[in-house]
Amino acid sequence: MGPQHLWQRDEALTLCERLESAIVLADAGYHVALAGSVLYRGWSDKDLDVIVYVRGSVCPYRSKLNEALRIVGLTPAAAQFEGAHYDRLVEVWEYNGKRVDLLFLS
């Protein structure tokens, strides 16, 4: 991948802040957290890992979450797949042509 696909920590934090704000304002019942190589190394030429988890005792609304993701500028990139090794659900989305992996905690 070229430099146009490179995720830097500053850009990732800005996106996470925008996601968090949009998701909370939509009252979707979720929070987000930065993870993976962008968090610990400061960059990634592969993807951005974002953890999505339920906010306290609030009932989560998946349709509101999807709406908030789209408002921020994310678009679905590929079919969902289950990562059996980690007991998680991962969805692949894109933001400005770059891959974003949303890791859902159950």
PDB file of N, CA and C in Angstrom:
ATOM      1  N   MET A   1       0.838  -1.188   0.000  1.00  0.00           N
ATOM      2  CA  MET A   1       0.000   0.000   0.000  1.00  0.00           C
ATOM      3  C   MET A   1       0.880   1.247   0.000  1.00  0.00           C
ATOM      4  N   GLY A   2       0.407   2.266  -0.648  1.00  0.00           N
ATOM      5  CA  GLY A   2       1.157   3.509  -0.723  1.00  0.00           C
ATOM      6  C   GLY A   2       0.850   4.440   0.429  1.00  0.00           C
ATOM      7  N   PRO A   3       1.480   5.623   0.407  1.00  0.00           N
ATOM      8  CA  PRO A   3       1.291   6.584   1.493  1.00  0.00           C
ATOM      9  C   PRO A   3      -0.145   7.068   1.639  1.00  0.00           C
ATOM     10  N   GLN A   4      -0.937   7.005   0.566  1.00  0.00           N
ATOM     11  CA  GLN A   4      -2.323   7.445   0.655  1.00  0.00           C
ATOM     12  C   GLN A   4      -3.157   6.512   1.537  1.00  0.00           C
ATOM     13  N   HIS A   5      -2.660   5.311   1.796  1.00  0.00           N
ATOM     14  CA  HIS A   5      -3.361   4.344   2.640  1.00  0.00           C
ATOM     15  C   HIS A   5      -2.764   4.269   4.045  1.00  0.00           C
ATOM     16  N   LEU A   6      -1.782   5.065   4.331  1.00  0.00           N
ATOM     17  CA  LEU A   6      -1.109   5.040   5.628  1.00  0.00           C
ATOM     18  C   LEU A   6      -1.968   5.722   6.696  1.00  0.00           C
ATOM     19  N   TRP A   7      -2.200   5.004   7.778  1.00  0.00           N
ATOM     20  CA  TRP A   7      -2.892   5.577   8.935  1.00  0.00           C
ATOM     21  C   TRP A   7      -1.849   6.124   9.901  1.00  0.00           C
ATOM     22  N   GLN A   8      -1.998   7.364  10.305  1.00  0.00           N
ATOM     23  CA  GLN A   8      -1.159   7.985  11.331  1.00  0.00           C
ATOM     24  C   GLN A   8      -1.996   8.141  12.597  1.00  0.00           C
ATOM     25  N   ARG A   9      -1.341   8.155  13.748  1.00  0.00           N
ATOM     26  CA  ARG A   9      -2.051   8.229  15.022  1.00  0.00           C
ATOM     27  C   ARG A   9      -2.938   9.473  15.129  1.00  0.00           C
ATOM     28  N   ASP A  10      -2.451  10.638  14.694  1.00  0.00           N
ATOM     29  CA  ASP A  10      -3.255  11.864  14.799  1.00  0.00           C
ATOM     30  C   ASP A  10      -4.561  11.746  14.023  1.00  0.00           C
ATOM     31  N   GLU A  11      -4.480  11.241  12.797  1.00  0.00           N
ATOM     32  CA  GLU A  11      -5.683  11.072  11.984  1.00  0.00           C
ATOM     33  C   GLU A  11      -6.621  10.050  12.619  1.00  0.00           C
ATOM     34  N   ALA A  12      -6.065   8.974  13.163  1.00  0.00           N
ATOM     35  CA  ALA A  12      -6.865   7.936  13.808  1.00  0.00           C
ATOM     36  C   ALA A  12      -7.580   8.476  15.040  1.00  0.00           C
ATOM     37  N   LEU A  13      -6.875   9.248  15.843  1.00  0.00           N
ATOM     38  CA  LEU A  13      -7.506   9.836  17.035  1.00  0.00           C
ATOM     39  C   LEU A  13      -8.625  10.800  16.648  1.00  0.00           C
ATOM     40  N   THR A  14      -8.393  11.591  15.611  1.00  0.00           N
ATOM     41  CA  THR A  14      -9.430  12.513  15.146  1.00  0.00           C
ATOM     42  C   THR A  14     -10.667  11.749  14.696  1.00  0.00           C
ATOM     43  N   LEU A  15     -10.456  10.666  13.934  1.00  0.00           N
ATOM     44  CA  LEU A  15     -11.589   9.858  13.491  1.00  0.00           C
ATOM     45  C   LEU A  15     -12.309   9.236  14.685  1.00  0.00           C
ATOM     46  N   CYS A  16     -11.571   8.690  15.639  1.00  0.00           N
ATOM     47  CA  CYS A  16     -12.197   8.087  16.825  1.00  0.00           C
ATOM     48  C   CYS A  16     -12.997   9.112  17.621  1.00  0.00           C
ATOM     49  N   GLU A  17     -12.469  10.324  17.748  1.00  0.00           N
ATOM     50  CA  GLU A  17     -13.199  11.388  18.445  1.00  0.00           C
ATOM     51  C   GLU A  17     -14.496  11.724  17.708  1.00  0.00           C
ATOM     52  N   ARG A  18     -14.425  11.809  16.383  1.00  0.00           N
ATOM     53  CA  ARG A  18     -15.624  12.088  15.589  1.00  0.00           C
ATOM     54  C   ARG A  18     -16.631  10.950  15.701  1.00  0.00           C
ATOM     55  N   LEU A  19     -16.137   9.711  15.646  1.00  0.00           N
ATOM     56  CA  LEU A  19     -17.015   8.553  15.793  1.00  0.00           C
ATOM     57  C   LEU A  19     -17.691   8.546  17.157  1.00  0.00           C
ATOM     58  N   GLU A  20     -16.896   8.733  18.193  1.00  0.00           N
ATOM     59  CA  GLU A  20     -17.443   8.724  19.559  1.00  0.00           C
ATOM     60  C   GLU A  20     -18.535   9.773  19.705  1.00  0.00           C
ATOM     61  N   SER A  21     -18.268  10.970  19.229  1.00  0.00           N
ATOM     62  CA  SER A  21     -19.233  12.060  19.330  1.00  0.00           C
ATOM     63  C   SER A  21     -20.516  11.730  18.564  1.00  0.00           C
ATOM     64  N   ALA A  22     -20.380  11.252  17.325  1.00  0.00           N
ATOM     65  CA  ALA A  22     -21.547  10.932  16.498  1.00  0.00           C
ATOM     66  C   ALA A  22     -22.360   9.792  17.096  1.00  0.00           C
ATOM     67  N   ILE A  23     -21.665   8.774  17.613  1.00  0.00           N
ATOM     68  CA  ILE A  23     -22.353   7.610  18.179  1.00  0.00           C
ATOM     69  C   ILE A  23     -23.091   7.995  19.457  1.00  0.00           C
ATOM     70  N   VAL A  24     -22.452   8.783  20.308  1.00  0.00           N
ATOM     71  CA  VAL A  24     -23.098   9.205  21.553  1.00  0.00           C
ATOM     72  C   VAL A  24     -24.266  10.141  21.251  1.00  0.00           C
ATOM     73  N   LEU A  25     -24.063  11.082  20.310  1.00  0.00           N
ATOM     74  CA  LEU A  25     -25.150  11.997  19.958  1.00  0.00           C
ATOM     75  C   LEU A  25     -26.336  11.250  19.354  1.00  0.00           C
ATOM     76  N   ALA A  26     -26.073  10.169  18.644  1.00  0.00           N
ATOM     77  CA  ALA A  26     -27.144   9.364  18.062  1.00  0.00           C
ATOM     78  C   ALA A  26     -27.822   8.487  19.114  1.00  0.00           C
ATOM     79  N   ASP A  27     -27.278   8.483  20.331  1.00  0.00           N
ATOM     80  CA  ASP A  27     -27.776   7.649  21.426  1.00  0.00           C
ATOM     81  C   ASP A  27     -27.853   6.187  21.003  1.00  0.00           C
ATOM     82  N   ALA A  28     -26.793   5.744  20.314  1.00  0.00           N
ATOM     83  CA  ALA A  28     -26.753   4.378  19.805  1.00  0.00           C
ATOM     84  C   ALA A  28     -26.394   3.356  20.872  1.00  0.00           C
ATOM     85  N   GLY A  29     -25.814   3.803  21.985  1.00  0.00           N
ATOM     86  CA  GLY A  29     -25.491   2.877  23.074  1.00  0.00           C
ATOM     87  C   GLY A  29     -24.130   2.227  22.979  1.00  0.00           C
ATOM     88  N   TYR A  30     -23.212   2.847  22.240  1.00  0.00           N
ATOM     89  CA  TYR A  30     -21.869   2.297  22.073  1.00  0.00           C
ATOM     90  C   TYR A  30     -20.800   3.347  22.381  1.00  0.00           C
ATOM     91  N   HIS A  31     -19.587   2.870  22.608  1.00  0.00           N
ATOM     92  CA  HIS A  31     -18.379   3.691  22.665  1.00  0.00           C
ATOM     93  C   HIS A  31     -17.378   3.072  21.690  1.00  0.00           C
ATOM     94  N   VAL A  32     -16.321   3.840  21.375  1.00  0.00           N
ATOM     95  CA  VAL A  32     -15.243   3.310  20.533  1.00  0.00           C
ATOM     96  C   VAL A  32     -13.910   3.503  21.231  1.00  0.00           C
ATOM     97  N   ALA A  33     -12.938   2.670  20.845  1.00  0.00           N
ATOM     98  CA  ALA A  33     -11.588   2.759  21.396  1.00  0.00           C
ATOM     99  C   ALA A  33     -10.586   2.402  20.311  1.00  0.00           C
ATOM    100  N   LEU A  34      -9.487   3.128  20.283  1.00  0.00           N
ATOM    101  CA  LEU A  34      -8.403   2.867  19.342  1.00  0.00           C
ATOM    102  C   LEU A  34      -7.606   1.655  19.805  1.00  0.00           C
ATOM    103  N   ALA A  35      -7.178   0.824  18.858  1.00  0.00           N
ATOM    104  CA  ALA A  35      -6.392  -0.369  19.183  1.00  0.00           C
ATOM    105  C   ALA A  35      -5.395  -0.636  18.063  1.00  0.00           C
ATOM    106  N   GLY A  36      -4.615  -1.687  18.219  1.00  0.00           N
ATOM    107  CA  GLY A  36      -3.730  -2.147  17.163  1.00  0.00           C
ATOM    108  C   GLY A  36      -2.472  -1.326  16.973  1.00  0.00           C
ATOM    109  N   SER A  37      -1.866  -1.498  15.806  1.00  0.00           N
ATOM    110  CA  SER A  37      -0.549  -0.905  15.547  1.00  0.00           C
ATOM    111  C   SER A  37      -0.554   0.615  15.523  1.00  0.00           C
ATOM    112  N   VAL A  38      -1.664   1.231  15.120  1.00  0.00           N
ATOM    113  CA  VAL A  38      -1.713   2.698  15.130  1.00  0.00           C
ATOM    114  C   VAL A  38      -1.607   3.200  16.564  1.00  0.00           C
ATOM    115  N   LEU A  39      -2.187   2.487  17.500  1.00  0.00           N
ATOM    116  CA  LEU A  39      -2.097   2.876  18.905  1.00  0.00           C
ATOM    117  C   LEU A  39      -0.689   2.676  19.443  1.00  0.00           C
ATOM    118  N   TYR A  40      -0.104   1.485  19.255  1.00  0.00           N
ATOM    119  CA  TYR A  40       1.186   1.218  19.907  1.00  0.00           C
ATOM    120  C   TYR A  40       2.401   1.626  19.079  1.00  0.00           C
ATOM    121  N   ARG A  41       2.269   1.689  17.746  1.00  0.00           N
ATOM    122  CA  ARG A  41       3.411   2.050  16.916  1.00  0.00           C
ATOM    123  C   ARG A  41       3.304   3.472  16.361  1.00  0.00           C
ATOM    124  N   GLY A  42       2.057   3.969  16.270  1.00  0.00           N
ATOM    125  CA  GLY A  42       1.841   5.317  15.762  1.00  0.00           C
ATOM    126  C   GLY A  42       1.441   5.392  14.307  1.00  0.00           C
ATOM    127  N   TRP A  43       1.441   4.242  13.605  1.00  0.00           N
ATOM    128  CA  TRP A  43       1.067   4.219  12.199  1.00  0.00           C
ATOM    129  C   TRP A  43       0.757   2.787  11.760  1.00  0.00           C
ATOM    130  N   SER A  44       0.089   2.677  10.616  1.00  0.00           N
ATOM    131  CA  SER A  44      -0.147   1.381   9.985  1.00  0.00           C
ATOM    132  C   SER A  44      -0.359   1.603   8.496  1.00  0.00           C
ATOM    133  N   ASP A  45       0.239   0.740   7.696  1.00  0.00           N
ATOM    134  CA  ASP A  45       0.000   0.803   6.257  1.00  0.00           C
ATOM    135  C   ASP A  45      -1.023  -0.251   5.824  1.00  0.00           C
ATOM    136  N   LYS A  46      -1.670  -0.885   6.809  1.00  0.00           N
ATOM    137  CA  LYS A  46      -2.671  -1.907   6.515  1.00  0.00           C
ATOM    138  C   LYS A  46      -4.079  -1.436   6.854  1.00  0.00           C
ATOM    139  N   ASP A  47      -4.307  -1.120   8.130  1.00  0.00           N
ATOM    140  CA  ASP A  47      -5.662  -0.762   8.554  1.00  0.00           C
ATOM    141  C   ASP A  47      -5.635  -0.014   9.880  1.00  0.00           C
ATOM    142  N   LEU A  48      -6.802   0.458  10.266  1.00  0.00           N
ATOM    143  CA  LEU A  48      -7.016   1.077  11.566  1.00  0.00           C
ATOM    144  C   LEU A  48      -7.942   0.159  12.344  1.00  0.00           C
ATOM    145  N   ASP A  49      -7.542  -0.249  13.544  1.00  0.00           N
ATOM    146  CA  ASP A  49      -8.368  -1.109  14.390  1.00  0.00           C
ATOM    147  C   ASP A  49      -9.104  -0.247  15.400  1.00  0.00           C
ATOM    148  N   VAL A  50     -10.438  -0.349  15.379  1.00  0.00           N
ATOM    149  CA  VAL A  50     -11.286   0.390  16.313  1.00  0.00           C
ATOM    150  C   VAL A  50     -12.189  -0.612  17.018  1.00  0.00           C
ATOM    151  N   ILE A  51     -12.145  -0.600  18.338  1.00  0.00           N
ATOM    152  CA  ILE A  51     -12.999  -1.466  19.144  1.00  0.00           C
ATOM    153  C   ILE A  51     -14.326  -0.746  19.368  1.00  0.00           C
ATOM    154  N   VAL A  52     -15.421  -1.482  19.195  1.00  0.00           N
ATOM    155  CA  VAL A  52     -16.764  -0.953  19.440  1.00  0.00           C
ATOM    156  C   VAL A  52     -17.354  -1.771  20.577  1.00  0.00           C
ATOM    157  N   TYR A  53     -17.792  -1.075  21.640  1.00  0.00           N
ATOM    158  CA  TYR A  53     -18.329  -1.800  22.790  1.00  0.00           C
ATOM    159  C   TYR A  53     -19.554  -1.089  23.345  1.00  0.00           C
ATOM    160  N   VAL A  54     -20.393  -1.850  24.044  1.00  0.00           N
ATOM    161  CA  VAL A  54     -21.643  -1.333  24.590  1.00  0.00           C
ATOM    162  C   VAL A  54     -21.362  -0.375  25.732  1.00  0.00           C
ATOM    163  N   ARG A  55     -22.083   0.735  25.741  1.00  0.00           N
ATOM    164  CA  ARG A  55     -21.919   1.790  26.736  1.00  0.00           C
ATOM    165  C   ARG A  55     -22.768   1.483  27.967  1.00  0.00           C
ATOM    166  N   GLY A  56     -22.096   1.014  29.030  1.00  0.00           N
ATOM    167  CA  GLY A  56     -22.762   0.766  30.309  1.00  0.00           C
ATOM    168  C   GLY A  56     -23.984  -0.108  30.182  1.00  0.00           C
ATOM    169  N   SER A  57     -25.072   0.326  30.799  1.00  0.00           N
ATOM    170  CA  SER A  57     -26.310  -0.450  30.782  1.00  0.00           C
ATOM    171  C   SER A  57     -27.271   0.041  29.708  1.00  0.00           C
ATOM    172  N   VAL A  58     -26.801   0.908  28.822  1.00  0.00           N
ATOM    173  CA  VAL A  58     -27.643   1.435  27.757  1.00  0.00           C
ATOM    174  C   VAL A  58     -27.917   0.337  26.736  1.00  0.00           C
ATOM    175  N   CYS A  59     -29.133   0.233  26.276  1.00  0.00           N
ATOM    176  CA  CYS A  59     -29.481  -0.751  25.253  1.00  0.00           C
ATOM    177  C   CYS A  59     -28.916  -0.284  23.913  1.00  0.00           C
ATOM    178  N   PRO A  60     -28.053  -1.087  23.283  1.00  0.00           N
ATOM    179  CA  PRO A  60     -27.442  -0.665  22.022  1.00  0.00           C
ATOM    180  C   PRO A  60     -28.414  -0.762  20.843  1.00  0.00           C
ATOM    181  N   TYR A  61     -28.306   0.193  19.931  1.00  0.00           N
ATOM    182  CA  TYR A  61     -29.125   0.222  18.725  1.00  0.00           C
ATOM    183  C   TYR A  61     -28.211   0.170  17.517  1.00  0.00           C
ATOM    184  N   ARG A  62     -28.161  -1.003  16.888  1.00  0.00           N
ATOM    185  CA  ARG A  62     -27.241  -1.191  15.774  1.00  0.00           C
ATOM    186  C   ARG A  62     -27.567  -0.276  14.593  1.00  0.00           C
ATOM    187  N   SER A  63     -28.836  -0.054  14.324  1.00  0.00           N
ATOM    188  CA  SER A  63     -29.199   0.804  13.198  1.00  0.00           C
ATOM    189  C   SER A  63     -28.714   2.234  13.420  1.00  0.00           C
ATOM    190  N   LYS A  64     -28.780   2.714  14.658  1.00  0.00           N
ATOM    191  CA  LYS A  64     -28.285   4.056  14.971  1.00  0.00           C
ATOM    192  C   LYS A  64     -26.761   4.115  14.872  1.00  0.00           C
ATOM    193  N   LEU A  65     -26.100   3.022  15.258  1.00  0.00           N
ATOM    194  CA  LEU A  65     -24.646   2.954  15.131  1.00  0.00           C
ATOM    195  C   LEU A  65     -24.250   3.045  13.662  1.00  0.00           C
ATOM    196  N   ASN A  66     -24.892   2.257  12.811  1.00  0.00           N
ATOM    197  CA  ASN A  66     -24.572   2.276  11.382  1.00  0.00           C
ATOM    198  C   ASN A  66     -24.813   3.662  10.787  1.00  0.00           C
ATOM    199  N   GLU A  67     -25.880   4.309  11.195  1.00  0.00           N
ATOM    200  CA  GLU A  67     -26.171   5.663  10.715  1.00  0.00           C
ATOM    201  C   GLU A  67     -25.066   6.640  11.136  1.00  0.00           C
ATOM    202  N   ALA A  68     -24.613   6.540  12.381  1.00  0.00           N
ATOM    203  CA  ALA A  68     -23.541   7.417  12.875  1.00  0.00           C
ATOM    204  C   ALA A  68     -22.235   7.162  12.130  1.00  0.00           C
ATOM    205  N   LEU A  69     -21.927   5.891  11.834  1.00  0.00           N
ATOM    206  CA  LEU A  69     -20.714   5.563  11.086  1.00  0.00           C
ATOM    207  C   LEU A  69     -20.744   6.216   9.709  1.00  0.00           C
ATOM    208  N   ARG A  70     -21.880   6.160   9.061  1.00  0.00           N
ATOM    209  CA  ARG A  70     -22.009   6.748   7.721  1.00  0.00           C
ATOM    210  C   ARG A  70     -21.951   8.273   7.762  1.00  0.00           C
ATOM    211  N   ILE A  71     -22.531   8.877   8.789  1.00  0.00           N
ATOM    212  CA  ILE A  71     -22.502  10.342   8.922  1.00  0.00           C
ATOM    213  C   ILE A  71     -21.065  10.833   9.022  1.00  0.00           C
ATOM    214  N   VAL A  72     -20.224  10.090   9.724  1.00  0.00           N
ATOM    215  CA  VAL A  72     -18.813  10.455   9.897  1.00  0.00           C
ATOM    216  C   VAL A  72     -18.025  10.236   8.606  1.00  0.00           C
ATOM    217  N   GLY A  73     -18.537   9.402   7.710  1.00  0.00           N
ATOM    218  CA  GLY A  73     -17.871   9.190   6.430  1.00  0.00           C
ATOM    219  C   GLY A  73     -17.387   7.783   6.177  1.00  0.00           C
ATOM    220  N   LEU A  74     -17.717   6.833   7.057  1.00  0.00           N
ATOM    221  CA  LEU A  74     -17.322   5.448   6.831  1.00  0.00           C
ATOM    222  C   LEU A  74     -18.327   4.775   5.900  1.00  0.00           C
ATOM    223  N   THR A  75     -17.831   3.842   5.099  1.00  0.00           N
ATOM    224  CA  THR A  75     -18.685   3.044   4.229  1.00  0.00           C
ATOM    225  C   THR A  75     -18.286   1.580   4.367  1.00  0.00           C
ATOM    226  N   PRO A  76     -19.266   0.663   4.295  1.00  0.00           N
ATOM    227  CA  PRO A  76     -18.928  -0.760   4.379  1.00  0.00           C
ATOM    228  C   PRO A  76     -18.016  -1.147   3.223  1.00  0.00           C
ATOM    229  N   ALA A  77     -16.975  -1.920   3.518  1.00  0.00           N
ATOM    230  CA  ALA A  77     -15.997  -2.274   2.501  1.00  0.00           C
ATOM    231  C   ALA A  77     -16.063  -3.732   2.097  1.00  0.00           C
ATOM    232  N   ALA A  78     -16.447  -4.596   3.009  1.00  0.00           N
ATOM    233  CA  ALA A  78     -16.442  -6.027   2.707  1.00  0.00           C
ATOM    234  C   ALA A  78     -17.441  -6.728   3.612  1.00  0.00           C
ATOM    235  N   ALA A  79     -17.719  -7.953   3.284  1.00  0.00           N
ATOM    236  CA  ALA A  79     -18.635  -8.741   4.102  1.00  0.00           C
ATOM    237  C   ALA A  79     -18.053  -8.967   5.488  1.00  0.00           C
ATOM    238  N   GLN A  80     -18.938  -9.168   6.434  1.00  0.00           N
ATOM    239  CA  GLN A  80     -18.484  -9.460   7.800  1.00  0.00           C
ATOM    240  C   GLN A  80     -17.816 -10.833   7.826  1.00  0.00           C
ATOM    241  N   PHE A  81     -16.930 -10.986   8.767  1.00  0.00           N
ATOM    242  CA  PHE A  81     -16.376 -12.313   9.002  1.00  0.00           C
ATOM    243  C   PHE A  81     -16.137 -12.462  10.487  1.00  0.00           C
ATOM    244  N   GLU A  82     -16.229 -13.687  10.952  1.00  0.00           N
ATOM    245  CA  GLU A  82     -16.025 -13.947  12.369  1.00  0.00           C
ATOM    246  C   GLU A  82     -14.601 -14.431  12.597  1.00  0.00           C
ATOM    247  N   GLY A  83     -13.953 -13.854  13.591  1.00  0.00           N
ATOM    248  CA  GLY A  83     -12.615 -14.299  13.974  1.00  0.00           C
ATOM    249  C   GLY A  83     -12.735 -15.266  15.129  1.00  0.00           C
ATOM    250  N   ALA A  84     -12.885 -16.532  14.816  1.00  0.00           N
ATOM    251  CA  ALA A  84     -13.157 -17.543  15.840  1.00  0.00           C
ATOM    252  C   ALA A  84     -12.077 -17.596  16.911  1.00  0.00           C
ATOM    253  N   HIS A  85     -10.826 -17.325  16.525  1.00  0.00           N
ATOM    254  CA  HIS A  85      -9.728 -17.414  17.477  1.00  0.00           C
ATOM    255  C   HIS A  85      -9.898 -16.422  18.622  1.00  0.00           C
ATOM    256  N   TYR A  86     -10.427 -15.246  18.338  1.00  0.00           N
ATOM    257  CA  TYR A  86     -10.555 -14.203  19.357  1.00  0.00           C
ATOM    258  C   TYR A  86     -11.983 -14.028  19.842  1.00  0.00           C
ATOM    259  N   ASP A  87     -12.916 -14.840  19.359  1.00  0.00           N
ATOM    260  CA  ASP A  87     -14.304 -14.742  19.758  1.00  0.00           C
ATOM    261  C   ASP A  87     -14.801 -13.301  19.596  1.00  0.00           C
ATOM    262  N   ARG A  88     -14.660 -12.779  18.401  1.00  0.00           N
ATOM    263  CA  ARG A  88     -15.062 -11.407  18.127  1.00  0.00           C
ATOM    264  C   ARG A  88     -15.735 -11.349  16.762  1.00  0.00           C
ATOM    265  N   LEU A  89     -16.394 -10.273  16.506  1.00  0.00           N
ATOM    266  CA  LEU A  89     -16.954 -10.021  15.201  1.00  0.00           C
ATOM    267  C   LEU A  89     -16.218  -8.826  14.620  1.00  0.00           C
ATOM    268  N   VAL A  90     -15.750  -8.955  13.403  1.00  0.00           N
ATOM    269  CA  VAL A  90     -15.005  -7.885  12.756  1.00  0.00           C
ATOM    270  C   VAL A  90     -15.759  -7.465  11.504  1.00  0.00           C
ATOM    271  N   GLU A  91     -15.941  -6.170  11.340  1.00  0.00           N
ATOM    272  CA  GLU A  91     -16.506  -5.633  10.115  1.00  0.00           C
ATOM    273  C   GLU A  91     -15.461  -4.744   9.474  1.00  0.00           C
ATOM    274  N   VAL A  92     -15.355  -4.839   8.167  1.00  0.00           N
ATOM    275  CA  VAL A  92     -14.389  -4.032   7.427  1.00  0.00           C
ATOM    276  C   VAL A  92     -15.138  -2.878   6.773  1.00  0.00           C
ATOM    277  N   TRP A  93     -14.711  -1.667   7.122  1.00  0.00           N
ATOM    278  CA  TRP A  93     -15.281  -0.446   6.563  1.00  0.00           C
ATOM    279  C   TRP A  93     -14.140   0.339   5.924  1.00  0.00           C
ATOM    280  N   GLU A  94     -14.476   1.421   5.238  1.00  0.00           N
ATOM    281  CA  GLU A  94     -13.463   2.298   4.656  1.00  0.00           C
ATOM    282  C   GLU A  94     -13.731   3.740   5.047  1.00  0.00           C
ATOM    283  N   TYR A  95     -12.637   4.477   5.119  1.00  0.00           N
ATOM    284  CA  TYR A  95     -12.704   5.906   5.397  1.00  0.00           C
ATOM    285  C   TYR A  95     -11.668   6.585   4.512  1.00  0.00           C
ATOM    286  N   ASN A  96     -12.117   7.441   3.613  1.00  0.00           N
ATOM    287  CA  ASN A  96     -11.211   8.114   2.673  1.00  0.00           C
ATOM    288  C   ASN A  96     -10.309   7.125   1.935  1.00  0.00           C
ATOM    289  N   GLY A  97     -10.877   5.989   1.539  1.00  0.00           N
ATOM    290  CA  GLY A  97     -10.118   4.989   0.797  1.00  0.00           C
ATOM    291  C   GLY A  97      -9.197   4.122   1.632  1.00  0.00           C
ATOM    292  N   LYS A  98      -9.265   4.264   2.957  1.00  0.00           N
ATOM    293  CA  LYS A  98      -8.408   3.472   3.846  1.00  0.00           C
ATOM    294  C   LYS A  98      -9.273   2.494   4.658  1.00  0.00           C
ATOM    295  N   ARG A  99      -8.680   1.343   4.928  1.00  0.00           N
ATOM    296  CA  ARG A  99      -9.387   0.292   5.636  1.00  0.00           C
ATOM    297  C   ARG A  99      -9.518   0.604   7.132  1.00  0.00           C
ATOM    298  N   VAL A 100     -10.734   0.345   7.652  1.00  0.00           N
ATOM    299  CA  VAL A 100     -11.003   0.457   9.086  1.00  0.00           C
ATOM    300  C   VAL A 100     -11.649  -0.847   9.520  1.00  0.00           C
ATOM    301  N   ASP A 101     -11.014  -1.557  10.455  1.00  0.00           N
ATOM    302  CA  ASP A 101     -11.589  -2.771  11.008  1.00  0.00           C
ATOM    303  C   ASP A 101     -12.299  -2.422  12.305  1.00  0.00           C
ATOM    304  N   LEU A 102     -13.605  -2.660  12.339  1.00  0.00           N
ATOM    305  CA  LEU A 102     -14.380  -2.457  13.557  1.00  0.00           C
ATOM    306  C   LEU A 102     -14.487  -3.800  14.269  1.00  0.00           C
ATOM    307  N   LEU A 103     -13.951  -3.866  15.478  1.00  0.00           N
ATOM    308  CA  LEU A 103     -13.941  -5.099  16.269  1.00  0.00           C
ATOM    309  C   LEU A 103     -14.997  -4.968  17.357  1.00  0.00           C
ATOM    310  N   PHE A 104     -16.037  -5.773  17.279  1.00  0.00           N
ATOM    311  CA  PHE A 104     -17.146  -5.688  18.210  1.00  0.00           C
ATOM    312  C   PHE A 104     -16.913  -6.611  19.401  1.00  0.00           C
ATOM    313  N   LEU A 105     -16.963  -6.043  20.589  1.00  0.00           N
ATOM    314  CA  LEU A 105     -16.869  -6.856  21.803  1.00  0.00           C
ATOM    315  C   LEU A 105     -18.256  -7.364  22.152  1.00  0.00           C
ATOM    316  N   SER A 106     -18.320  -8.610  22.562  1.00  0.00           N
ATOM    317  CA  SER A 106     -19.612  -9.177  22.939  1.00  0.00           C
ATOM    318  C   SER A 106     -19.757  -9.233  24.436  1.00  0.00           C
TER     319      SER A 106
END
